[in-house]
Amino acid sequence: MSGGRRRDGRRSAGGGRLVRLFVLLVIAFCGMAGRLVTLQIVQAPAYATLAVDQRSRVVEFPARRGAIFDRNGNALAVSVDLDTV
């Protein structure tokens, strides 16, 4: 039984399964390739915008805190106004 044929010259049933499997794999590959094209080419600008929004953001600092003093009234920690960090 070599080559998917019987001794009497007829094809065995296994040959059809191999063709169906090959067709199924080709369809799956085409589906994945189509999805890849959609993500990489069609939707690329939208994903680039999402990536930039995720990386950069504005951080607002909370209101000024009060000073901390020790028991003798000496300042241990005070808030200082700065233009930049």
Foldseek 3Di string as FASTA:
>chain_A
DPPQADPVGHGHPVVVVVVVVVVVVVVVVVVVVVVVCCVVPVCVVVVVVVVVVVPDDDDDDDDADAFDADPVGHTPDHDDDDPDD
